[in-house]
Amino acid sequence: MVVLGVDPGYAIVGWGVIDFNGNSYTPKAFGAITTQAHTDFNERLKIIYDDMITILKKAKPDAVAIEKLYFTTNVTTAILVAQARGVILLAAQQCGVKVFEYTPLQVKVAVTGYGKAKKPQVMEMTRRLLHLKEVPKPDDTADALAIAITHTHAAGTSLRQNMLNGGIKL
């Protein structure tokens, strides 16, 4: 199963493609889509969309795993990230790839086994699971790879399969 993990943002969108086979991971490609701060916001969204389409067409993933949007204090930032997230979801839809969303807690548990893991712990476990020499930079890229790993954990569960097949039959 090939999974494209995405850590959404509007200045930096982390992305990572992994191939999961049985119980082993192979990183295929990863990086970040970046937009400049003084660029018109609509142009930034276009850059994100165009680059995401290119990544989707090259990677041909079976699924896109993306972090669910959450915010604590900065509503303005959350709205801007939500808009960037929207163009990412549109790109996946137009390429015919199913999207799955995961919370930061789900990512921490899937990658480290501990829901209160700190960011450095998640990044190090991501590096180890993917047999990388170093943690990918920027951090958003490592986060995207962790989100992709999370999907591989969830995708094979009977609950996920039931959800994909229209629910649990009684």
N, C-alpha and C. Protein backbone atom coordinates (compact mmCIF):
# COMPACT_ATOMS: atom_id res chain seq x y z
N MET A 1 0.85 -1.17 0.00
CA MET A 1 0.00 0.00 0.00
C MET A 1 0.90 1.24 0.00
N VAL A 2 0.64 2.14 -0.93
CA VAL A 2 1.37 3.39 -1.01
C VAL A 2 0.51 4.48 -0.38
N VAL A 3 1.09 5.21 0.58
CA VAL A 3 0.34 6.24 1.30
C VAL A 3 1.10 7.56 1.20
N LEU A 4 0.35 8.61 0.88
CA LEU A 4 0.88 9.96 0.91
C LEU A 4 0.40 10.61 2.20
N GLY A 5 1.33 10.93 3.07
CA GLY A 5 1.00 11.64 4.30
C GLY A 5 1.18 13.12 4.08
N VAL A 6 0.27 13.93 4.65
CA VAL A 6 0.33 15.38 4.47
C VAL A 6 0.14 16.08 5.81
N ASP A 7 1.06 16.99 6.10
CA ASP A 7 0.93 17.87 7.25
C ASP A 7 0.58 19.25 6.69
N PRO A 8 -0.71 19.63 6.76
CA PRO A 8 -1.15 20.85 6.07
C PRO A 8 -0.66 22.14 6.73
N GLY A 9 -0.47 23.13 5.90
CA GLY A 9 -0.09 24.46 6.33
C GLY A 9 -0.21 25.38 5.13
N TYR A 10 0.08 26.64 5.30
CA TYR A 10 0.06 27.53 4.14
C TYR A 10 1.45 28.10 3.84
N ALA A 11 2.35 28.11 4.81
CA ALA A 11 3.73 28.49 4.54
C ALA A 11 4.54 27.25 4.17
N ILE A 12 4.29 26.15 4.89
CA ILE A 12 4.96 24.88 4.63
C ILE A 12 3.93 23.76 4.70
N VAL A 13 3.89 22.97 3.65
CA VAL A 13 3.07 21.75 3.63
C VAL A 13 4.05 20.59 3.59
N GLY A 14 4.12 19.84 4.67
CA GLY A 14 4.98 18.66 4.67
C GLY A 14 4.28 17.52 3.96
N TRP A 15 5.05 16.73 3.21
CA TRP A 15 4.47 15.56 2.54
C TRP A 15 5.50 14.44 2.55
N GLY A 16 4.96 13.22 2.56
CA GLY A 16 5.83 12.06 2.53
C GLY A 16 5.09 10.86 1.97
N VAL A 17 5.75 10.13 1.08
CA VAL A 17 5.17 8.95 0.46
C VAL A 17 5.91 7.73 0.98
N ILE A 18 5.14 6.78 1.52
CA ILE A 18 5.74 5.53 1.98
C ILE A 18 5.02 4.36 1.33
N ASP A 19 5.75 3.27 1.22
CA ASP A 19 5.17 2.02 0.75
C ASP A 19 5.18 1.08 1.94
N PHE A 20 4.02 0.56 2.28
CA PHE A 20 3.90 -0.36 3.41
C PHE A 20 3.55 -1.73 2.85
N ASN A 21 4.39 -2.71 3.20
CA ASN A 21 4.19 -4.06 2.71
C ASN A 21 4.32 -5.02 3.88
N GLY A 22 3.20 -5.56 4.32
CA GLY A 22 3.23 -6.50 5.44
C GLY A 22 3.52 -5.81 6.74
N ASN A 23 4.79 -5.75 7.11
CA ASN A 23 5.17 -5.05 8.33
C ASN A 23 6.41 -4.19 8.15
N SER A 24 6.71 -3.85 6.89
CA SER A 24 7.88 -3.02 6.66
C SER A 24 7.52 -1.78 5.84
N TYR A 25 8.23 -0.72 6.14
CA TYR A 25 8.01 0.57 5.49
C TYR A 25 9.18 0.89 4.58
N THR A 26 8.86 1.45 3.43
CA THR A 26 9.89 1.94 2.53
C THR A 26 9.53 3.38 2.18
N PRO A 27 10.38 4.33 2.58
CA PRO A 27 10.11 5.71 2.17
C PRO A 27 10.37 5.85 0.67
N LYS A 28 9.42 6.41 -0.05
CA LYS A 28 9.55 6.56 -1.50
C LYS A 28 10.01 7.97 -1.87
N ALA A 29 9.42 8.98 -1.24
CA ALA A 29 9.78 10.37 -1.49
C ALA A 29 9.20 11.21 -0.37
N PHE A 30 9.83 12.32 -0.09
CA PHE A 30 9.29 13.24 0.90
C PHE A 30 9.90 14.61 0.70
N GLY A 31 9.20 15.60 1.23
CA GLY A 31 9.66 16.97 1.09
C GLY A 31 8.64 17.94 1.64
N ALA A 32 8.73 19.17 1.16
CA ALA A 32 7.82 20.21 1.63
C ALA A 32 7.48 21.14 0.48
N ILE A 33 6.24 21.55 0.45
CA ILE A 33 5.80 22.61 -0.45
C ILE A 33 5.91 23.89 0.37
N THR A 34 6.64 24.86 -0.13
CA THR A 34 6.80 26.10 0.62
C THR A 34 6.27 27.28 -0.20
N THR A 35 5.72 28.23 0.51
CA THR A 35 5.25 29.47 -0.11
C THR A 35 5.86 30.64 0.66
N GLN A 36 6.15 31.70 -0.05
CA GLN A 36 6.79 32.87 0.56
C GLN A 36 5.78 33.75 1.29
N ALA A 37 6.21 34.32 2.39
CA ALA A 37 5.33 35.09 3.28
C ALA A 37 4.65 36.27 2.59
N HIS A 38 5.32 36.94 1.71
CA HIS A 38 4.74 38.16 1.13
C HIS A 38 4.00 37.90 -0.19
N THR A 39 3.79 36.63 -0.51
CA THR A 39 3.04 36.27 -1.70
C THR A 39 1.55 36.40 -1.40
N ASP A 40 0.79 36.88 -2.39
CA ASP A 40 -0.66 36.96 -2.25
C ASP A 40 -1.19 35.59 -1.79
N PHE A 41 -2.11 35.60 -0.82
CA PHE A 41 -2.58 34.34 -0.24
C PHE A 41 -3.22 33.43 -1.29
N ASN A 42 -3.99 33.99 -2.21
CA ASN A 42 -4.61 33.17 -3.25
C ASN A 42 -3.55 32.51 -4.13
N GLU A 43 -2.46 33.20 -4.37
CA GLU A 43 -1.35 32.62 -5.14
C GLU A 43 -0.69 31.50 -4.34
N ARG A 44 -0.59 31.68 -3.03
CA ARG A 44 -0.03 30.62 -2.19
C ARG A 44 -0.88 29.35 -2.29
N LEU A 45 -2.21 29.53 -2.26
CA LEU A 45 -3.10 28.38 -2.38
C LEU A 45 -2.92 27.69 -3.73
N LYS A 46 -2.73 28.47 -4.78
CA LYS A 46 -2.52 27.90 -6.12
C LYS A 46 -1.22 27.10 -6.17
N ILE A 47 -0.18 27.63 -5.56
CA ILE A 47 1.11 26.91 -5.51
C ILE A 47 0.93 25.58 -4.79
N ILE A 48 0.25 25.60 -3.65
CA ILE A 48 0.03 24.37 -2.88
C ILE A 48 -0.77 23.37 -3.72
N TYR A 49 -1.84 23.85 -4.34
CA TYR A 49 -2.68 22.97 -5.15
C TYR A 49 -1.89 22.37 -6.32
N ASP A 50 -1.20 23.20 -7.08
CA ASP A 50 -0.45 22.72 -8.24
C ASP A 50 0.63 21.72 -7.84
N ASP A 51 1.36 22.02 -6.78
CA ASP A 51 2.41 21.10 -6.33
C ASP A 51 1.81 19.79 -5.81
N MET A 52 0.67 19.87 -5.13
CA MET A 52 0.04 18.65 -4.62
C MET A 52 -0.44 17.78 -5.77
N ILE A 53 -0.99 18.38 -6.81
CA ILE A 53 -1.40 17.62 -7.99
C ILE A 53 -0.19 16.89 -8.58
N THR A 54 0.93 17.59 -8.70
CA THR A 54 2.16 16.98 -9.24
C THR A 54 2.60 15.80 -8.39
N ILE A 55 2.61 15.97 -7.07
CA ILE A 55 3.01 14.90 -6.16
C ILE A 55 2.07 13.71 -6.29
N LEU A 56 0.78 13.96 -6.31
CA LEU A 56 -0.21 12.88 -6.43
C LEU A 56 -0.04 12.11 -7.74
N LYS A 57 0.20 12.81 -8.82
CA LYS A 57 0.35 12.15 -10.12
C LYS A 57 1.63 11.32 -10.19
N LYS A 58 2.70 11.82 -9.57
CA LYS A 58 3.96 11.06 -9.57
C LYS A 58 3.91 9.87 -8.62
N ALA A 59 3.37 10.07 -7.43
CA ALA A 59 3.38 9.03 -6.39
C ALA A 59 2.32 7.96 -6.61
N LYS A 60 1.19 8.34 -7.20
CA LYS A 60 0.07 7.41 -7.40
C LYS A 60 -0.27 6.64 -6.11
N PRO A 61 -0.56 7.37 -5.03
CA PRO A 61 -0.83 6.69 -3.76
C PRO A 61 -2.18 5.99 -3.76
N ASP A 62 -2.29 4.98 -2.91
CA ASP A 62 -3.56 4.30 -2.68
C ASP A 62 -4.44 5.11 -1.74
N ALA A 63 -3.82 5.95 -0.92
CA ALA A 63 -4.55 6.76 0.05
C ALA A 63 -3.75 8.00 0.40
N VAL A 64 -4.47 9.03 0.80
CA VAL A 64 -3.86 10.24 1.37
C VAL A 64 -4.26 10.28 2.84
N ALA A 65 -3.27 10.43 3.70
CA ALA A 65 -3.52 10.58 5.13
C ALA A 65 -3.13 12.00 5.50
N ILE A 66 -4.05 12.72 6.14
CA ILE A 66 -3.81 14.12 6.46
C ILE A 66 -4.17 14.38 7.91
N GLU A 67 -3.45 15.30 8.51
CA GLU A 67 -3.74 15.64 9.90
C GLU A 67 -5.02 16.44 9.98
N LYS A 68 -5.86 16.08 10.96
CA LYS A 68 -7.08 16.85 11.21
C LYS A 68 -6.70 18.22 11.73
N LEU A 69 -7.49 19.19 11.36
CA LEU A 69 -7.24 20.55 11.79
C LEU A 69 -7.65 20.72 13.25
N TYR A 70 -6.78 21.33 14.00
CA TYR A 70 -7.10 21.68 15.38
C TYR A 70 -6.42 23.01 15.68
N PHE A 71 -6.97 23.76 16.58
CA PHE A 71 -6.33 25.00 16.99
C PHE A 71 -6.68 25.28 18.44
N THR A 72 -5.81 26.05 19.07
CA THR A 72 -6.07 26.36 20.46
C THR A 72 -6.39 27.83 20.65
N THR A 73 -5.54 28.72 20.15
CA THR A 73 -5.78 30.13 20.41
C THR A 73 -5.87 30.98 19.15
N ASN A 74 -5.10 30.69 18.13
CA ASN A 74 -5.02 31.57 16.97
C ASN A 74 -6.02 31.16 15.89
N VAL A 75 -7.20 31.74 15.94
CA VAL A 75 -8.27 31.41 15.00
C VAL A 75 -7.89 31.83 13.58
N THR A 76 -7.22 32.96 13.43
CA THR A 76 -6.83 33.44 12.10
C THR A 76 -5.93 32.43 11.41
N THR A 77 -4.94 31.93 12.12
CA THR A 77 -4.05 30.92 11.55
C THR A 77 -4.82 29.66 11.19
N ALA A 78 -5.72 29.25 12.05
CA ALA A 78 -6.52 28.05 11.79
C ALA A 78 -7.35 28.21 10.51
N ILE A 79 -7.90 29.38 10.30
CA ILE A 79 -8.70 29.61 9.09
C ILE A 79 -7.81 29.54 7.85
N LEU A 80 -6.63 30.11 7.91
CA LEU A 80 -5.72 30.07 6.76
C LEU A 80 -5.26 28.63 6.48
N VAL A 81 -4.94 27.90 7.53
CA VAL A 81 -4.55 26.49 7.36
C VAL A 81 -5.72 25.69 6.79
N ALA A 82 -6.93 25.99 7.24
CA ALA A 82 -8.12 25.29 6.73
C ALA A 82 -8.28 25.52 5.23
N GLN A 83 -7.99 26.73 4.78
CA GLN A 83 -8.08 27.00 3.34
C GLN A 83 -7.03 26.21 2.57
N ALA A 84 -5.82 26.15 3.08
CA ALA A 84 -4.77 25.37 2.43
C ALA A 84 -5.14 23.89 2.42
N ARG A 85 -5.68 23.45 3.53
CA ARG A 85 -6.12 22.06 3.65
C ARG A 85 -7.20 21.75 2.61
N GLY A 86 -8.07 22.71 2.37
CA GLY A 86 -9.13 22.54 1.38
C GLY A 86 -8.59 22.30 -0.02
N VAL A 87 -7.55 23.04 -0.41
CA VAL A 87 -7.01 22.81 -1.76
C VAL A 87 -6.28 21.48 -1.84
N ILE A 88 -5.72 21.03 -0.71
CA ILE A 88 -5.07 19.72 -0.68
C ILE A 88 -6.13 18.62 -0.85
N LEU A 89 -7.24 18.76 -0.14
CA LEU A 89 -8.34 17.78 -0.26
C LEU A 89 -8.92 17.79 -1.67
N LEU A 90 -9.05 18.96 -2.26
CA LEU A 90 -9.55 19.07 -3.64
C LEU A 90 -8.60 18.36 -4.61
N ALA A 91 -7.32 18.56 -4.44
CA ALA A 91 -6.34 17.90 -5.31
C ALA A 91 -6.46 16.38 -5.22
N ALA A 92 -6.58 15.86 -3.99
CA ALA A 92 -6.74 14.41 -3.81
C ALA A 92 -8.02 13.92 -4.47
N GLN A 93 -9.11 14.65 -4.28
CA GLN A 93 -10.39 14.28 -4.88
C GLN A 93 -10.29 14.26 -6.40
N GLN A 94 -9.67 15.28 -6.98
CA GLN A 94 -9.56 15.34 -8.43
C GLN A 94 -8.66 14.25 -8.99
N CYS A 95 -7.74 13.75 -8.17
CA CYS A 95 -6.88 12.64 -8.61
C CYS A 95 -7.49 11.29 -8.25
N GLY A 96 -8.67 11.29 -7.65
CA GLY A 96 -9.36 10.05 -7.34
C GLY A 96 -8.77 9.25 -6.20
N VAL A 97 -8.12 9.93 -5.26
CA VAL A 97 -7.49 9.25 -4.13
C VAL A 97 -8.30 9.52 -2.86
N LYS A 98 -8.62 8.46 -2.15
CA LYS A 98 -9.39 8.57 -0.91
C LYS A 98 -8.54 9.21 0.18
N VAL A 99 -9.19 10.06 0.98
CA VAL A 99 -8.51 10.80 2.04
C VAL A 99 -8.95 10.28 3.41
N PHE A 100 -7.99 10.14 4.32
CA PHE A 100 -8.24 9.70 5.68
C PHE A 100 -7.60 10.73 6.62
N GLU A 101 -8.32 11.07 7.68
CA GLU A 101 -7.86 12.11 8.60
C GLU A 101 -7.51 11.52 9.96
N TYR A 102 -6.43 12.06 10.56
CA TYR A 102 -5.97 11.57 11.85
C TYR A 102 -5.63 12.75 12.76
N THR A 103 -5.96 12.58 14.04
CA THR A 103 -5.65 13.61 15.03
C THR A 103 -4.19 13.48 15.45
N PRO A 104 -3.63 14.55 16.02
CA PRO A 104 -2.27 14.45 16.55
C PRO A 104 -2.13 13.32 17.58
N LEU A 105 -3.15 13.12 18.40
CA LEU A 105 -3.11 12.03 19.39
C LEU A 105 -3.02 10.67 18.69
N GLN A 106 -3.79 10.47 17.64
CA GLN A 106 -3.74 9.20 16.91
C GLN A 106 -2.34 8.98 16.31
N VAL A 107 -1.74 10.04 15.82
CA VAL A 107 -0.40 9.93 15.23
C VAL A 107 0.61 9.54 16.31
N LYS A 108 0.55 10.21 17.46
CA LYS A 108 1.48 9.90 18.55
C LYS A 108 1.36 8.45 18.99
N VAL A 109 0.13 7.97 19.15
CA VAL A 109 -0.08 6.59 19.59
C VAL A 109 0.41 5.61 18.53
N ALA A 110 0.10 5.87 17.27
CA ALA A 110 0.49 4.94 16.20
C ALA A 110 2.01 4.84 16.05
N VAL A 111 2.69 5.97 16.19
CA VAL A 111 4.13 5.98 15.92
C VAL A 111 4.96 5.63 17.15
N THR A 112 4.52 6.08 18.33
CA THR A 112 5.33 5.85 19.54
C THR A 112 4.69 4.89 20.53
N GLY A 113 3.37 4.69 20.41
CA GLY A 113 2.67 3.86 21.37
C GLY A 113 2.26 4.63 22.62
N TYR A 114 2.50 5.95 22.61
CA TYR A 114 2.24 6.77 23.79
C TYR A 114 1.58 8.08 23.36
N GLY A 115 0.38 8.34 23.83
CA GLY A 115 -0.39 9.50 23.41
C GLY A 115 0.14 10.84 23.89
N LYS A 116 1.02 10.83 24.89
CA LYS A 116 1.58 12.08 25.38
C LYS A 116 3.03 12.26 24.93
N ALA A 117 3.42 11.53 23.89
CA ALA A 117 4.78 11.65 23.37
C ALA A 117 5.03 13.08 22.90
N LYS A 118 6.24 13.52 23.07
CA LYS A 118 6.64 14.86 22.61
C LYS A 118 7.08 14.77 21.15
N LYS A 119 7.08 15.91 20.51
CA LYS A 119 7.41 15.98 19.09
C LYS A 119 8.76 15.30 18.75
N PRO A 120 9.83 15.53 19.52
CA PRO A 120 11.11 14.86 19.20
C PRO A 120 11.00 13.33 19.24
N GLN A 121 10.18 12.80 20.16
CA GLN A 121 10.00 11.35 20.25
C GLN A 121 9.30 10.82 18.99
N VAL A 122 8.28 11.53 18.53
CA VAL A 122 7.56 11.11 17.32
C VAL A 122 8.50 11.16 16.12
N MET A 123 9.28 12.21 16.04
CA MET A 123 10.20 12.36 14.91
C MET A 123 11.27 11.26 14.90
N GLU A 124 11.80 10.94 16.06
CA GLU A 124 12.82 9.90 16.15
C GLU A 124 12.25 8.52 15.81
N MET A 125 11.06 8.22 16.30
CA MET A 125 10.44 6.94 15.97
C MET A 125 10.11 6.85 14.49
N THR A 126 9.70 7.96 13.89
CA THR A 126 9.45 7.99 12.45
C THR A 126 10.74 7.67 11.71
N ARG A 127 11.83 8.29 12.12
CA ARG A 127 13.13 8.02 11.50
C ARG A 127 13.50 6.54 11.61
N ARG A 128 13.30 5.98 12.79
CA ARG A 128 13.65 4.57 13.01
C ARG A 128 12.77 3.63 12.19
N LEU A 129 11.45 3.88 12.21
CA LEU A 129 10.53 3.00 11.46
C LEU A 129 10.83 3.00 9.96
N LEU A 130 11.29 4.15 9.46
CA LEU A 130 11.57 4.27 8.03
C LEU A 130 13.04 4.01 7.69
N HIS A 131 13.84 3.68 8.71
CA HIS A 131 15.26 3.37 8.53
C HIS A 131 16.00 4.51 7.83
N LEU A 132 15.72 5.73 8.27
CA LEU A 132 16.39 6.90 7.71
C LEU A 132 17.61 7.25 8.55
N LYS A 133 18.63 7.81 7.93
CA LYS A 133 19.83 8.18 8.66
C LYS A 133 19.59 9.35 9.61
N GLU A 134 18.70 10.26 9.20
CA GLU A 134 18.38 11.40 10.06
C GLU A 134 16.92 11.76 9.91
N VAL A 135 16.43 12.54 10.86
CA VAL A 135 15.04 12.99 10.82
C VAL A 135 14.90 13.96 9.65
N PRO A 136 13.92 13.75 8.78
CA PRO A 136 13.73 14.67 7.66
C PRO A 136 13.43 16.09 8.11
N LYS A 137 13.91 17.03 7.36
CA LYS A 137 13.67 18.45 7.63
C LYS A 137 12.91 19.03 6.45
N PRO A 138 12.07 20.01 6.63
CA PRO A 138 11.69 20.59 7.91
C PRO A 138 10.83 19.62 8.72
N ASP A 139 10.51 20.01 9.94
CA ASP A 139 9.72 19.17 10.84
C ASP A 139 8.40 18.74 10.20
N ASP A 140 7.83 19.61 9.37
CA ASP A 140 6.55 19.30 8.73
C ASP A 140 6.65 18.05 7.86
N THR A 141 7.82 17.83 7.27
CA THR A 141 8.04 16.63 6.45
C THR A 141 8.05 15.38 7.32
N ALA A 142 8.74 15.44 8.44
CA ALA A 142 8.75 14.30 9.36
C ALA A 142 7.34 14.04 9.88
N ASP A 143 6.59 15.10 10.16
CA ASP A 143 5.21 14.94 10.62
C ASP A 143 4.36 14.25 9.55
N ALA A 144 4.55 14.63 8.31
CA ALA A 144 3.79 14.01 7.21
C ALA A 144 4.08 12.52 7.10
N LEU A 145 5.34 12.15 7.25
CA LEU A 145 5.70 10.73 7.22
C LEU A 145 5.06 9.98 8.39
N ALA A 146 5.01 10.62 9.56
CA ALA A 146 4.37 10.00 10.73
C ALA A 146 2.87 9.81 10.47
N ILE A 147 2.25 10.76 9.80
CA ILE A 147 0.83 10.65 9.47
C ILE A 147 0.61 9.49 8.49
N ALA A 148 1.51 9.33 7.53
CA ALA A 148 1.41 8.20 6.60
C ALA A 148 1.54 6.88 7.34
N ILE A 149 2.48 6.80 8.27
CA ILE A 149 2.65 5.58 9.08
C ILE A 149 1.37 5.29 9.86
N THR A 150 0.77 6.33 10.40
CA THR A 150 -0.48 6.18 11.17
C THR A 150 -1.55 5.51 10.31
N HIS A 151 -1.65 5.93 9.07
CA HIS A 151 -2.67 5.32 8.20
C HIS A 151 -2.40 3.84 7.98
N THR A 152 -1.16 3.45 7.86
CA THR A 152 -0.87 2.02 7.64
C THR A 152 -1.29 1.20 8.85
N HIS A 153 -1.22 1.79 10.03
CA HIS A 153 -1.67 1.09 11.24
C HIS A 153 -3.17 0.94 11.25
N ALA A 154 -3.87 1.99 10.84
CA ALA A 154 -5.33 2.00 10.90
C ALA A 154 -5.97 1.29 9.71
N ALA A 155 -5.32 1.31 8.55
CA ALA A 155 -5.95 0.82 7.32
C ALA A 155 -6.31 -0.65 7.36
N GLY A 156 -5.51 -1.43 8.05
CA GLY A 156 -5.76 -2.87 8.06
C GLY A 156 -6.72 -3.35 9.13
N THR A 157 -7.16 -2.48 9.99
CA THR A 157 -8.03 -2.91 11.07
C THR A 157 -9.42 -3.25 10.54
N SER A 158 -10.08 -4.14 11.21
CA SER A 158 -11.42 -4.53 10.79
C SER A 158 -12.39 -3.36 10.91
N LEU A 159 -12.18 -2.51 11.90
CA LEU A 159 -13.04 -1.33 12.05
C LEU A 159 -12.92 -0.44 10.82
N ARG A 160 -11.68 -0.17 10.38
CA ARG A 160 -11.47 0.67 9.19
C ARG A 160 -12.09 0.01 7.96
N GLN A 161 -11.91 -1.29 7.81
CA GLN A 161 -12.47 -1.98 6.65
C GLN A 161 -13.99 -1.90 6.65
N ASN A 162 -14.59 -2.03 7.84
CA ASN A 162 -16.04 -1.89 7.94
C ASN A 162 -16.48 -0.48 7.58
N MET A 163 -15.73 0.51 8.00
CA MET A 163 -16.06 1.89 7.66
C MET A 163 -16.00 2.09 6.15
N LEU A 164 -15.00 1.54 5.52
CA LEU A 164 -14.85 1.68 4.08
C LEU A 164 -15.95 0.96 3.31
N ASN A 165 -16.46 -0.12 3.89
CA ASN A 165 -17.46 -0.93 3.21
C ASN A 165 -18.89 -0.55 3.60
N GLY A 166 -19.07 0.61 4.18
CA GLY A 166 -20.42 1.09 4.46
C GLY A 166 -20.93 0.81 5.86
N GLY A 167 -20.07 0.45 6.76
CA GLY A 167 -20.50 0.27 8.14
C GLY A 167 -20.52 -1.17 8.58
N ILE A 168 -20.75 -1.35 9.84
CA ILE A 168 -20.77 -2.68 10.45
C ILE A 168 -22.15 -3.30 10.22
N LYS A 169 -22.15 -4.50 9.71
CA LYS A 169 -23.41 -5.22 9.45
C LYS A 169 -23.76 -6.05 10.68
N LEU A 170 -24.99 -5.95 11.13
CA LEU A 170 -25.43 -6.74 12.29
C LEU A 170 -26.27 -7.92 11.84
